[in-house]
């Protein structure tokens, strides 16, 4: 089974949601967008799914238990006296702590931030996830593909291949989960296909 098919299955989607053929970013609109926001013309139409819990998001990104913490900054344990806080009551410092706990959980360190389980559920779930599924995407030479979600929820881009022609860029305006079988960045010497 291909990586694209595996990702679709993990998201509860099927082949009908895949935009077939080669999609060329920059061919008509510059910059080109993959966007869930209605004010931006999106190169592809997203499929919106709802994730109910952290484990659903972990399944989408393929979280595995990792024995090392590398450069990840773990927040201090979530104070018991904060147990009744709602997501709207979080101050700036608490928002940072909860986000650090989310990153830790998504990188396989859920046990280290277990005290955050309840506030993570309150703050981030249910989560709307925009999914852009295509066979192949080419960002044309000198062009930008901007990935722009509605709000701060992550976006999933899943495809067989993405090709960046010389000088092309992908700009991510929020967390982006890219599941791509083949990613090619052409140099000027390679030229565009």
N, C-alpha and C. Protein backbone atom coordinates (compact mmCIF):
# COMPACT_ATOMS: atom_id res chain seq x y z
N UNK A 1 0.85 -1.18 0.00
CA UNK A 1 0.00 0.00 0.00
C UNK A 1 0.89 1.24 0.00
N UNK A 2 0.55 2.24 -0.81
CA UNK A 2 1.36 3.45 -0.92
C UNK A 2 1.22 4.32 0.33
N UNK A 3 2.16 5.23 0.51
CA UNK A 3 2.11 6.16 1.63
C UNK A 3 0.84 7.00 1.55
N UNK A 4 0.46 7.42 0.34
CA UNK A 4 -0.76 8.20 0.15
C UNK A 4 -1.97 7.40 0.62
N UNK A 5 -2.07 6.14 0.22
CA UNK A 5 -3.20 5.30 0.62
C UNK A 5 -3.20 5.08 2.13
N UNK A 6 -2.03 4.88 2.72
CA UNK A 6 -1.94 4.71 4.18
C UNK A 6 -2.42 5.95 4.91
N UNK A 7 -2.00 7.12 4.43
CA UNK A 7 -2.41 8.38 5.07
C UNK A 7 -3.91 8.58 4.95
N UNK A 8 -4.46 8.33 3.77
CA UNK A 8 -5.91 8.46 3.59
C UNK A 8 -6.65 7.54 4.55
N UNK A 9 -6.18 6.32 4.67
CA UNK A 9 -6.81 5.36 5.56
C UNK A 9 -6.75 5.85 7.02
N UNK A 10 -5.61 6.37 7.44
CA UNK A 10 -5.47 6.89 8.81
C UNK A 10 -6.41 8.06 9.07
N UNK A 11 -6.72 8.83 8.02
CA UNK A 11 -7.61 9.98 8.15
C UNK A 11 -9.08 9.61 7.98
N UNK A 12 -9.35 8.35 7.66
CA UNK A 12 -10.73 7.93 7.43
C UNK A 12 -11.25 8.40 6.08
N UNK A 13 -10.35 8.65 5.13
CA UNK A 13 -10.73 9.12 3.80
C UNK A 13 -10.47 8.01 2.78
N UNK A 14 -10.92 8.26 1.54
CA UNK A 14 -10.70 7.27 0.49
C UNK A 14 -10.15 7.95 -0.76
N UNK A 15 -9.91 7.16 -1.79
CA UNK A 15 -9.29 7.65 -3.03
C UNK A 15 -10.11 8.75 -3.72
N UNK A 16 -11.41 8.81 -3.44
CA UNK A 16 -12.27 9.83 -4.07
C UNK A 16 -11.89 11.24 -3.64
N UNK A 17 -11.20 11.39 -2.53
CA UNK A 17 -10.80 12.72 -2.04
C UNK A 17 -9.49 13.19 -2.65
N UNK A 18 -8.83 12.34 -3.45
CA UNK A 18 -7.54 12.68 -4.05
C UNK A 18 -7.76 13.44 -5.35
N UNK A 19 -7.10 14.58 -5.48
CA UNK A 19 -7.12 15.34 -6.73
C UNK A 19 -6.13 14.65 -7.66
N UNK A 20 -6.63 14.13 -8.77
CA UNK A 20 -5.78 13.35 -9.67
C UNK A 20 -5.00 14.24 -10.62
N UNK A 21 -3.91 13.71 -11.12
CA UNK A 21 -3.09 14.42 -12.08
C UNK A 21 -2.02 15.27 -11.41
N UNK A 22 -1.39 16.12 -12.22
CA UNK A 22 -0.33 17.02 -11.75
C UNK A 22 -0.94 18.40 -11.54
N UNK A 23 -0.78 18.94 -10.34
CA UNK A 23 -1.29 20.27 -10.00
C UNK A 23 -0.12 21.23 -9.96
N UNK A 24 -0.20 22.28 -10.78
CA UNK A 24 0.92 23.22 -10.92
C UNK A 24 0.63 24.52 -10.19
N UNK A 25 1.36 24.72 -9.11
CA UNK A 25 1.23 25.95 -8.33
C UNK A 25 1.98 27.06 -9.04
N UNK A 26 1.29 28.16 -9.30
CA UNK A 26 1.90 29.29 -9.99
C UNK A 26 1.53 29.35 -11.46
N UNK A 27 0.81 28.36 -11.96
CA UNK A 27 0.44 28.34 -13.37
C UNK A 27 -0.60 29.42 -13.68
N UNK A 28 -1.55 29.65 -12.74
CA UNK A 28 -2.60 30.64 -12.98
C UNK A 28 -2.60 31.76 -11.96
N UNK A 29 -2.44 31.43 -10.71
CA UNK A 29 -2.43 32.41 -9.62
C UNK A 29 -1.02 32.47 -9.03
N UNK A 30 -0.57 33.68 -8.72
CA UNK A 30 0.73 33.81 -8.09
C UNK A 30 0.62 34.81 -6.94
N UNK A 31 0.88 34.44 -5.72
CA UNK A 31 1.26 33.09 -5.31
C UNK A 31 0.05 32.16 -5.34
N UNK A 32 0.32 30.87 -5.30
CA UNK A 32 -0.73 29.86 -5.24
C UNK A 32 -0.96 29.48 -3.78
N UNK A 33 -2.18 29.09 -3.45
CA UNK A 33 -2.53 28.75 -2.07
C UNK A 33 -3.08 27.34 -1.97
N UNK A 34 -2.79 26.71 -0.85
CA UNK A 34 -3.56 25.59 -0.34
C UNK A 34 -4.19 26.17 0.91
N UNK A 35 -5.48 26.46 0.86
CA UNK A 35 -6.09 27.21 1.95
C UNK A 35 -7.48 26.70 2.29
N UNK A 36 -7.76 26.72 3.59
CA UNK A 36 -9.11 26.44 4.06
C UNK A 36 -9.89 27.74 4.28
N UNK A 37 -9.25 28.86 4.02
CA UNK A 37 -9.90 30.17 4.18
C UNK A 37 -10.59 30.55 2.87
N UNK A 38 -11.85 30.92 2.94
CA UNK A 38 -12.60 31.21 1.71
C UNK A 38 -12.10 32.43 0.93
N UNK A 39 -11.38 33.34 1.59
CA UNK A 39 -10.90 34.54 0.89
C UNK A 39 -9.69 34.26 0.00
N UNK A 40 -9.12 33.07 0.08
CA UNK A 40 -7.98 32.72 -0.76
C UNK A 40 -8.40 31.67 -1.78
N UNK A 41 -8.05 31.88 -3.06
CA UNK A 41 -8.36 30.86 -4.07
C UNK A 41 -7.40 29.68 -3.90
N UNK A 42 -7.92 28.54 -3.52
CA UNK A 42 -7.07 27.39 -3.22
C UNK A 42 -6.82 26.56 -4.47
N UNK A 43 -5.57 26.15 -4.65
CA UNK A 43 -5.19 25.29 -5.77
C UNK A 43 -5.99 23.99 -5.73
N UNK A 44 -6.18 23.45 -4.54
CA UNK A 44 -6.96 22.23 -4.33
C UNK A 44 -8.05 22.50 -3.31
N UNK A 45 -9.16 21.80 -3.45
CA UNK A 45 -10.24 21.90 -2.48
C UNK A 45 -9.91 20.98 -1.30
N UNK A 46 -9.96 21.52 -0.07
CA UNK A 46 -9.64 20.67 1.09
C UNK A 46 -10.83 19.79 1.49
N UNK A 47 -10.51 18.71 2.13
CA UNK A 47 -11.50 17.91 2.83
C UNK A 47 -11.30 18.23 4.31
N UNK A 48 -12.37 18.58 4.99
CA UNK A 48 -12.28 18.94 6.41
C UNK A 48 -12.71 17.74 7.24
N UNK A 49 -11.84 17.34 8.16
CA UNK A 49 -12.18 16.26 9.08
C UNK A 49 -12.06 16.80 10.50
N UNK A 50 -12.69 16.11 11.42
CA UNK A 50 -12.63 16.50 12.83
C UNK A 50 -11.93 15.40 13.62
N UNK A 51 -10.92 15.80 14.36
CA UNK A 51 -10.22 14.88 15.25
C UNK A 51 -10.75 15.12 16.66
N UNK A 52 -11.15 14.06 17.32
CA UNK A 52 -11.79 14.19 18.63
C UNK A 52 -10.81 14.21 19.80
N UNK A 53 -9.64 13.59 19.61
CA UNK A 53 -8.72 13.47 20.75
C UNK A 53 -7.28 13.42 20.28
N UNK A 54 -6.37 13.59 21.23
CA UNK A 54 -4.94 13.62 20.95
C UNK A 54 -4.49 12.36 20.20
N UNK A 55 -4.99 11.23 20.59
CA UNK A 55 -4.59 9.97 19.95
C UNK A 55 -4.94 9.96 18.47
N UNK A 56 -6.03 10.62 18.08
CA UNK A 56 -6.38 10.72 16.65
C UNK A 56 -5.31 11.52 15.90
N UNK A 57 -4.86 12.63 16.49
CA UNK A 57 -3.82 13.45 15.86
C UNK A 57 -2.50 12.68 15.81
N UNK A 58 -2.19 11.96 16.87
CA UNK A 58 -0.97 11.15 16.87
C UNK A 58 -1.00 10.11 15.75
N UNK A 59 -2.16 9.51 15.51
CA UNK A 59 -2.28 8.51 14.44
C UNK A 59 -2.05 9.15 13.07
N UNK A 60 -2.52 10.38 12.89
CA UNK A 60 -2.35 11.07 11.61
C UNK A 60 -0.88 11.36 11.33
N UNK A 61 -0.15 11.81 12.34
CA UNK A 61 1.25 12.18 12.10
C UNK A 61 2.22 11.03 12.32
N UNK A 62 1.72 9.91 12.80
CA UNK A 62 2.58 8.75 12.96
C UNK A 62 3.49 8.85 14.17
N UNK A 63 2.98 9.35 15.28
CA UNK A 63 3.76 9.47 16.51
C UNK A 63 4.22 8.10 16.98
N UNK A 64 5.47 8.01 17.33
CA UNK A 64 6.00 6.79 17.94
C UNK A 64 6.72 7.16 19.22
N UNK A 65 6.82 6.22 20.12
CA UNK A 65 7.57 6.47 21.35
C UNK A 65 9.04 6.63 21.02
N UNK A 66 9.60 7.72 21.49
CA UNK A 66 11.01 8.01 21.23
C UNK A 66 11.75 7.99 22.56
N UNK A 67 12.86 7.29 22.65
CA UNK A 67 13.56 7.21 23.93
C UNK A 67 14.32 8.47 24.33
N UNK A 68 14.62 9.35 23.40
CA UNK A 68 15.39 10.56 23.73
C UNK A 68 14.55 11.80 23.54
N UNK A 69 14.86 12.83 24.28
CA UNK A 69 14.11 14.08 24.20
C UNK A 69 14.76 15.10 23.28
N UNK A 70 15.95 14.88 22.81
CA UNK A 70 16.70 15.80 21.94
C UNK A 70 16.57 17.23 22.43
N UNK A 71 16.16 18.15 21.56
CA UNK A 71 16.09 19.57 21.91
C UNK A 71 14.72 19.99 22.45
N UNK A 72 13.82 19.05 22.63
CA UNK A 72 12.47 19.36 23.07
C UNK A 72 12.49 19.93 24.49
N UNK A 73 11.78 21.04 24.68
CA UNK A 73 11.70 21.66 26.00
C UNK A 73 10.40 21.20 26.66
N UNK A 74 10.53 20.47 27.74
CA UNK A 74 9.36 19.99 28.46
C UNK A 74 8.92 21.02 29.49
N UNK A 75 7.62 21.29 29.56
CA UNK A 75 7.14 22.21 30.59
C UNK A 75 7.11 21.52 31.95
N UNK A 76 7.09 22.34 33.00
CA UNK A 76 6.91 21.79 34.35
C UNK A 76 5.54 21.13 34.42
N UNK A 77 5.35 20.23 35.35
CA UNK A 77 4.06 19.54 35.50
C UNK A 77 2.92 20.56 35.62
N UNK A 78 1.78 20.23 35.03
CA UNK A 78 0.60 21.11 35.09
C UNK A 78 0.09 21.13 36.53
N UNK A 79 0.00 22.32 37.14
CA UNK A 79 -0.40 22.42 38.54
C UNK A 79 -1.83 21.92 38.78
N UNK A 80 -2.01 21.20 39.86
CA UNK A 80 -3.32 20.66 40.21
C UNK A 80 -4.35 21.79 40.36
N UNK A 81 -3.91 22.94 40.88
CA UNK A 81 -4.84 24.06 41.07
C UNK A 81 -5.34 24.64 39.74
N UNK A 82 -4.71 24.27 38.62
CA UNK A 82 -5.16 24.74 37.30
C UNK A 82 -6.11 23.75 36.62
N UNK A 83 -6.47 22.69 37.31
CA UNK A 83 -7.26 21.62 36.71
C UNK A 83 -8.61 22.10 36.18
N UNK A 84 -9.20 23.10 36.80
CA UNK A 84 -10.52 23.56 36.38
C UNK A 84 -10.50 24.67 35.33
N UNK A 85 -9.31 25.10 34.92
CA UNK A 85 -9.23 26.16 33.91
C UNK A 85 -9.81 25.68 32.58
N UNK A 86 -10.47 26.61 31.89
CA UNK A 86 -10.92 26.33 30.53
C UNK A 86 -9.86 26.87 29.57
N UNK A 87 -9.97 26.50 28.31
CA UNK A 87 -9.01 26.97 27.31
C UNK A 87 -8.99 28.49 27.22
N UNK A 88 -10.14 29.13 27.38
CA UNK A 88 -10.22 30.59 27.28
C UNK A 88 -9.60 31.30 28.47
N UNK A 89 -9.43 30.61 29.57
CA UNK A 89 -8.87 31.21 30.78
C UNK A 89 -7.35 31.13 30.85
N UNK A 90 -6.72 30.48 29.88
CA UNK A 90 -5.26 30.35 29.89
C UNK A 90 -4.60 31.69 29.62
N UNK A 91 -3.57 32.02 30.40
CA UNK A 91 -2.81 33.24 30.11
C UNK A 91 -1.69 32.89 29.13
N UNK A 92 -0.90 33.87 28.74
CA UNK A 92 0.13 33.67 27.73
C UNK A 92 1.15 32.60 28.10
N UNK A 93 1.63 32.63 29.34
CA UNK A 93 2.61 31.64 29.79
C UNK A 93 2.02 30.23 29.81
N UNK A 94 0.77 30.14 30.26
CA UNK A 94 0.11 28.83 30.28
C UNK A 94 -0.11 28.29 28.87
N UNK A 95 -0.45 29.19 27.93
CA UNK A 95 -0.60 28.78 26.52
C UNK A 95 0.69 28.15 26.01
N UNK A 96 1.82 28.79 26.33
CA UNK A 96 3.12 28.26 25.90
C UNK A 96 3.36 26.89 26.52
N UNK A 97 3.07 26.74 27.81
CA UNK A 97 3.27 25.45 28.48
C UNK A 97 2.41 24.36 27.85
N UNK A 98 1.16 24.69 27.57
CA UNK A 98 0.25 23.69 26.98
C UNK A 98 0.71 23.33 25.57
N UNK A 99 1.18 24.31 24.82
CA UNK A 99 1.69 24.03 23.47
C UNK A 99 2.94 23.15 23.54
N UNK A 100 3.84 23.43 24.49
CA UNK A 100 5.03 22.58 24.66
C UNK A 100 4.62 21.15 25.02
N UNK A 101 3.59 21.02 25.83
CA UNK A 101 3.10 19.68 26.19
C UNK A 101 2.53 18.97 24.97
N UNK A 102 1.82 19.71 24.11
CA UNK A 102 1.30 19.12 22.88
C UNK A 102 2.44 18.63 22.00
N UNK A 103 3.46 19.46 21.81
CA UNK A 103 4.62 19.05 21.00
C UNK A 103 5.29 17.81 21.58
N UNK A 104 5.42 17.78 22.89
CA UNK A 104 6.03 16.60 23.54
C UNK A 104 5.19 15.35 23.27
N UNK A 105 3.89 15.47 23.42
CA UNK A 105 3.01 14.32 23.18
C UNK A 105 3.07 13.87 21.73
N UNK A 106 3.18 14.82 20.80
CA UNK A 106 3.22 14.48 19.38
C UNK A 106 4.56 13.93 18.93
N UNK A 107 5.59 14.09 19.76
CA UNK A 107 6.90 13.55 19.41
C UNK A 107 7.24 12.32 20.25
N UNK A 108 6.21 11.69 20.79
CA UNK A 108 6.40 10.43 21.48
C UNK A 108 6.71 10.51 22.96
N UNK A 109 6.47 11.65 23.58
CA UNK A 109 6.80 11.83 25.00
C UNK A 109 5.54 12.11 25.83
N UNK A 110 4.46 11.44 25.49
CA UNK A 110 3.20 11.68 26.16
C UNK A 110 3.28 11.38 27.66
N UNK A 111 4.01 10.36 28.04
CA UNK A 111 4.13 10.01 29.46
C UNK A 111 4.77 11.15 30.26
N UNK A 112 5.68 11.89 29.64
CA UNK A 112 6.38 12.98 30.34
C UNK A 112 5.47 14.18 30.60
N UNK A 113 4.36 14.27 29.87
CA UNK A 113 3.43 15.40 30.03
C UNK A 113 2.02 14.92 30.37
N UNK A 114 1.94 13.79 31.04
CA UNK A 114 0.64 13.19 31.38
C UNK A 114 -0.23 14.15 32.19
N UNK A 115 0.37 15.01 33.02
CA UNK A 115 -0.41 15.95 33.84
C UNK A 115 -1.17 16.96 32.97
N UNK A 116 -0.84 17.05 31.68
CA UNK A 116 -1.49 17.99 30.76
C UNK A 116 -2.65 17.37 29.99
N UNK A 117 -2.93 16.10 30.19
CA UNK A 117 -3.93 15.40 29.37
C UNK A 117 -5.27 16.14 29.31
N UNK A 118 -5.77 16.57 30.45
CA UNK A 118 -7.08 17.21 30.50
C UNK A 118 -7.08 18.58 29.82
N UNK A 119 -6.08 19.40 30.09
CA UNK A 119 -6.03 20.74 29.48
C UNK A 119 -5.74 20.64 27.99
N UNK A 120 -4.96 19.66 27.55
CA UNK A 120 -4.74 19.46 26.11
C UNK A 120 -6.06 19.16 25.41
N UNK A 121 -6.86 18.30 26.03
CA UNK A 121 -8.16 17.97 25.46
C UNK A 121 -9.06 19.20 25.39
N UNK A 122 -9.05 20.02 26.44
CA UNK A 122 -9.87 21.23 26.46
C UNK A 122 -9.39 22.26 25.44
N UNK A 123 -8.08 22.41 25.32
CA UNK A 123 -7.51 23.47 24.48
C UNK A 123 -7.55 23.14 22.99
N UNK A 124 -7.30 21.90 22.63
CA UNK A 124 -7.11 21.59 21.21
C UNK A 124 -8.18 20.72 20.56
N UNK A 125 -9.06 20.11 21.34
CA UNK A 125 -10.00 19.18 20.74
C UNK A 125 -11.43 19.50 21.12
N UNK A 126 -12.39 19.23 20.18
CA UNK A 126 -12.16 18.67 18.85
C UNK A 126 -11.41 19.65 17.95
N UNK A 127 -10.62 19.10 17.04
CA UNK A 127 -9.78 19.87 16.14
C UNK A 127 -10.25 19.67 14.70
N UNK A 128 -10.43 20.77 13.99
CA UNK A 128 -10.75 20.71 12.56
C UNK A 128 -9.43 20.64 11.80
N UNK A 129 -9.35 19.70 10.88
CA UNK A 129 -8.11 19.48 10.13
C UNK A 129 -8.43 19.56 8.64
N UNK A 130 -7.78 20.50 7.95
CA UNK A 130 -7.93 20.59 6.50
C UNK A 130 -6.96 19.63 5.84
N UNK A 131 -7.46 18.79 4.96
CA UNK A 131 -6.63 17.79 4.28
C UNK A 131 -6.62 18.10 2.78
N UNK A 132 -5.42 18.26 2.24
CA UNK A 132 -5.22 18.45 0.80
C UNK A 132 -4.55 17.20 0.28
N UNK A 133 -5.27 16.43 -0.53
CA UNK A 133 -4.73 15.18 -1.07
C UNK A 133 -4.66 15.27 -2.59
N UNK A 134 -3.48 14.97 -3.13
CA UNK A 134 -3.28 15.05 -4.58
C UNK A 134 -2.30 13.97 -5.00
N UNK A 135 -2.36 13.64 -6.29
CA UNK A 135 -1.36 12.71 -6.81
C UNK A 135 0.00 13.40 -6.82
N UNK A 136 0.10 14.53 -7.54
CA UNK A 136 1.39 15.21 -7.70
C UNK A 136 1.20 16.72 -7.71
N UNK A 137 2.12 17.43 -7.04
CA UNK A 137 2.10 18.90 -7.01
C UNK A 137 3.46 19.39 -7.50
N UNK A 138 3.43 20.37 -8.41
CA UNK A 138 4.66 21.02 -8.89
C UNK A 138 4.54 22.50 -8.57
N UNK A 139 5.51 23.04 -7.83
CA UNK A 139 5.56 24.48 -7.60
C UNK A 139 6.52 25.02 -8.65
N UNK A 140 5.97 25.82 -9.56
CA UNK A 140 6.74 26.26 -10.71
C UNK A 140 7.86 27.22 -10.33
N UNK A 141 8.85 27.29 -11.22
CA UNK A 141 10.06 28.08 -10.99
C UNK A 141 9.73 29.50 -10.53
N UNK A 142 10.38 29.90 -9.42
CA UNK A 142 10.23 31.26 -8.91
C UNK A 142 8.90 31.54 -8.23
N UNK A 143 8.03 30.57 -8.08
CA UNK A 143 6.71 30.77 -7.51
C UNK A 143 6.66 30.30 -6.05
N UNK A 144 5.59 30.71 -5.37
CA UNK A 144 5.36 30.28 -3.99
C UNK A 144 4.06 29.50 -3.90
N UNK A 145 4.08 28.48 -3.07
CA UNK A 145 2.86 27.78 -2.67
C UNK A 145 2.70 28.09 -1.18
N UNK A 146 1.65 28.83 -0.84
CA UNK A 146 1.42 29.24 0.55
C UNK A 146 0.33 28.36 1.14
N UNK A 147 0.65 27.73 2.25
CA UNK A 147 -0.32 26.88 2.94
C UNK A 147 -0.90 27.71 4.08
N UNK A 148 -2.19 28.05 3.95
CA UNK A 148 -2.85 29.04 4.81
C UNK A 148 -4.14 28.44 5.38
N UNK A 149 -4.16 28.08 6.67
CA UNK A 149 -5.37 27.51 7.25
C UNK A 149 -6.31 28.57 7.80
N UNK A 150 -7.50 28.12 8.14
CA UNK A 150 -8.44 28.95 8.89
C UNK A 150 -8.08 28.76 10.35
N UNK A 151 -7.69 29.81 11.04
CA UNK A 151 -7.28 29.67 12.44
C UNK A 151 -5.89 29.08 12.56
N UNK A 152 -5.64 28.36 13.65
CA UNK A 152 -4.30 27.82 13.92
C UNK A 152 -4.24 26.31 13.85
N UNK A 153 -5.33 25.67 13.45
CA UNK A 153 -5.31 24.21 13.37
C UNK A 153 -4.37 23.76 12.28
N UNK A 154 -3.74 22.62 12.46
CA UNK A 154 -2.79 22.14 11.45
C UNK A 154 -3.48 21.75 10.15
N UNK A 155 -2.69 21.65 9.12
CA UNK A 155 -3.15 21.27 7.79
C UNK A 155 -2.35 20.04 7.38
N UNK A 156 -3.01 19.11 6.69
CA UNK A 156 -2.33 17.93 6.16
C UNK A 156 -2.24 18.07 4.64
N UNK A 157 -1.03 17.89 4.12
CA UNK A 157 -0.81 17.82 2.67
C UNK A 157 -0.27 16.42 2.42
N UNK A 158 -1.00 15.64 1.64
CA UNK A 158 -0.56 14.28 1.35
C UNK A 158 -0.61 14.04 -0.15
N UNK A 159 0.48 13.53 -0.69
CA UNK A 159 0.54 13.28 -2.13
C UNK A 159 1.67 12.32 -2.46
N UNK A 160 1.65 11.85 -3.71
CA UNK A 160 2.73 10.98 -4.16
C UNK A 160 4.03 11.75 -4.29
N UNK A 161 3.95 12.97 -4.89
CA UNK A 161 5.18 13.74 -5.07
C UNK A 161 4.92 15.24 -5.01
N UNK A 162 5.94 15.95 -4.53
CA UNK A 162 5.99 17.41 -4.62
C UNK A 162 7.32 17.74 -5.27
N UNK A 163 7.26 18.58 -6.30
CA UNK A 163 8.47 19.03 -6.98
C UNK A 163 8.56 20.54 -6.87
N UNK A 164 9.69 21.02 -6.36
CA UNK A 164 9.98 22.45 -6.34
C UNK A 164 10.93 22.73 -7.48
N UNK A 165 10.46 23.49 -8.46
CA UNK A 165 11.34 23.89 -9.55
C UNK A 165 12.30 24.96 -9.02
N UNK A 166 13.36 25.31 -9.77
CA UNK A 166 14.35 26.28 -9.28
C UNK A 166 13.71 27.57 -8.77
N UNK A 167 14.08 27.97 -7.56
CA UNK A 167 13.58 29.21 -6.96
C UNK A 167 12.18 29.12 -6.37
N UNK A 168 11.54 27.97 -6.46
CA UNK A 168 10.19 27.81 -5.90
C UNK A 168 10.27 27.62 -4.39
N UNK A 169 9.18 28.00 -3.71
CA UNK A 169 9.13 27.90 -2.25
C UNK A 169 7.78 27.40 -1.78
N UNK A 170 7.79 26.75 -0.63
CA UNK A 170 6.56 26.44 0.09
C UNK A 170 6.61 27.24 1.38
N UNK A 171 5.57 28.04 1.63
CA UNK A 171 5.48 28.89 2.82
C UNK A 171 4.34 28.35 3.67
N UNK A 172 4.64 28.00 4.92
CA UNK A 172 3.64 27.43 5.82
C UNK A 172 3.24 28.47 6.85
N UNK A 173 1.97 28.83 6.88
CA UNK A 173 1.46 29.84 7.81
C UNK A 173 0.90 29.22 9.09
N UNK A 174 1.04 27.92 9.25
CA UNK A 174 0.58 27.19 10.44
C UNK A 174 1.28 25.84 10.45
N UNK A 175 1.08 25.06 11.50
CA UNK A 175 1.67 23.73 11.48
C UNK A 175 1.15 22.93 10.29
N UNK A 176 2.06 22.32 9.56
CA UNK A 176 1.69 21.54 8.38
C UNK A 176 2.25 20.14 8.54
N UNK A 177 1.40 19.16 8.31
CA UNK A 177 1.81 17.76 8.33
C UNK A 177 1.91 17.34 6.87
N UNK A 178 3.12 17.08 6.40
CA UNK A 178 3.31 16.67 5.00
C UNK A 178 3.65 15.19 4.95
N UNK A 179 2.80 14.45 4.26
CA UNK A 179 3.06 13.04 4.00
C UNK A 179 3.26 12.91 2.50
N UNK A 180 4.52 12.86 2.09
CA UNK A 180 4.88 12.88 0.67
C UNK A 180 5.80 11.71 0.38
N UNK A 181 5.46 10.93 -0.63
CA UNK A 181 6.29 9.79 -1.02
C UNK A 181 7.63 10.26 -1.58
N UNK A 182 7.60 11.24 -2.51
CA UNK A 182 8.83 11.74 -3.15
C UNK A 182 8.82 13.26 -3.14
N UNK A 183 9.87 13.86 -2.56
CA UNK A 183 10.00 15.32 -2.52
C UNK A 183 11.26 15.67 -3.31
N UNK A 184 11.08 16.48 -4.38
CA UNK A 184 12.20 16.83 -5.26
C UNK A 184 12.38 18.34 -5.25
N UNK A 185 13.60 18.79 -4.98
CA UNK A 185 13.93 20.21 -5.09
C UNK A 185 14.96 20.33 -6.21
N UNK A 186 14.50 20.89 -7.33
CA UNK A 186 15.38 21.02 -8.48
C UNK A 186 16.32 22.21 -8.29
N UNK A 187 17.52 22.07 -8.81
CA UNK A 187 18.47 23.17 -8.82
C UNK A 187 18.47 23.79 -10.21
N UNK A 188 19.09 24.93 -10.35
CA UNK A 188 19.16 25.57 -11.67
C UNK A 188 19.80 24.66 -12.70
N UNK A 189 20.74 23.84 -12.29
CA UNK A 189 21.42 22.93 -13.22
C UNK A 189 20.47 21.86 -13.74
N UNK A 190 19.46 21.46 -12.92
CA UNK A 190 18.53 20.43 -13.34
C UNK A 190 17.49 20.98 -14.30
N UNK A 191 17.12 22.25 -14.12
CA UNK A 191 16.09 22.85 -14.95
C UNK A 191 14.72 22.32 -14.59
N UNK A 192 13.72 22.94 -15.15
CA UNK A 192 12.34 22.55 -14.89
C UNK A 192 11.91 21.50 -15.90
N UNK A 193 11.04 20.61 -15.46
CA UNK A 193 10.50 19.59 -16.36
C UNK A 193 9.32 20.12 -17.14
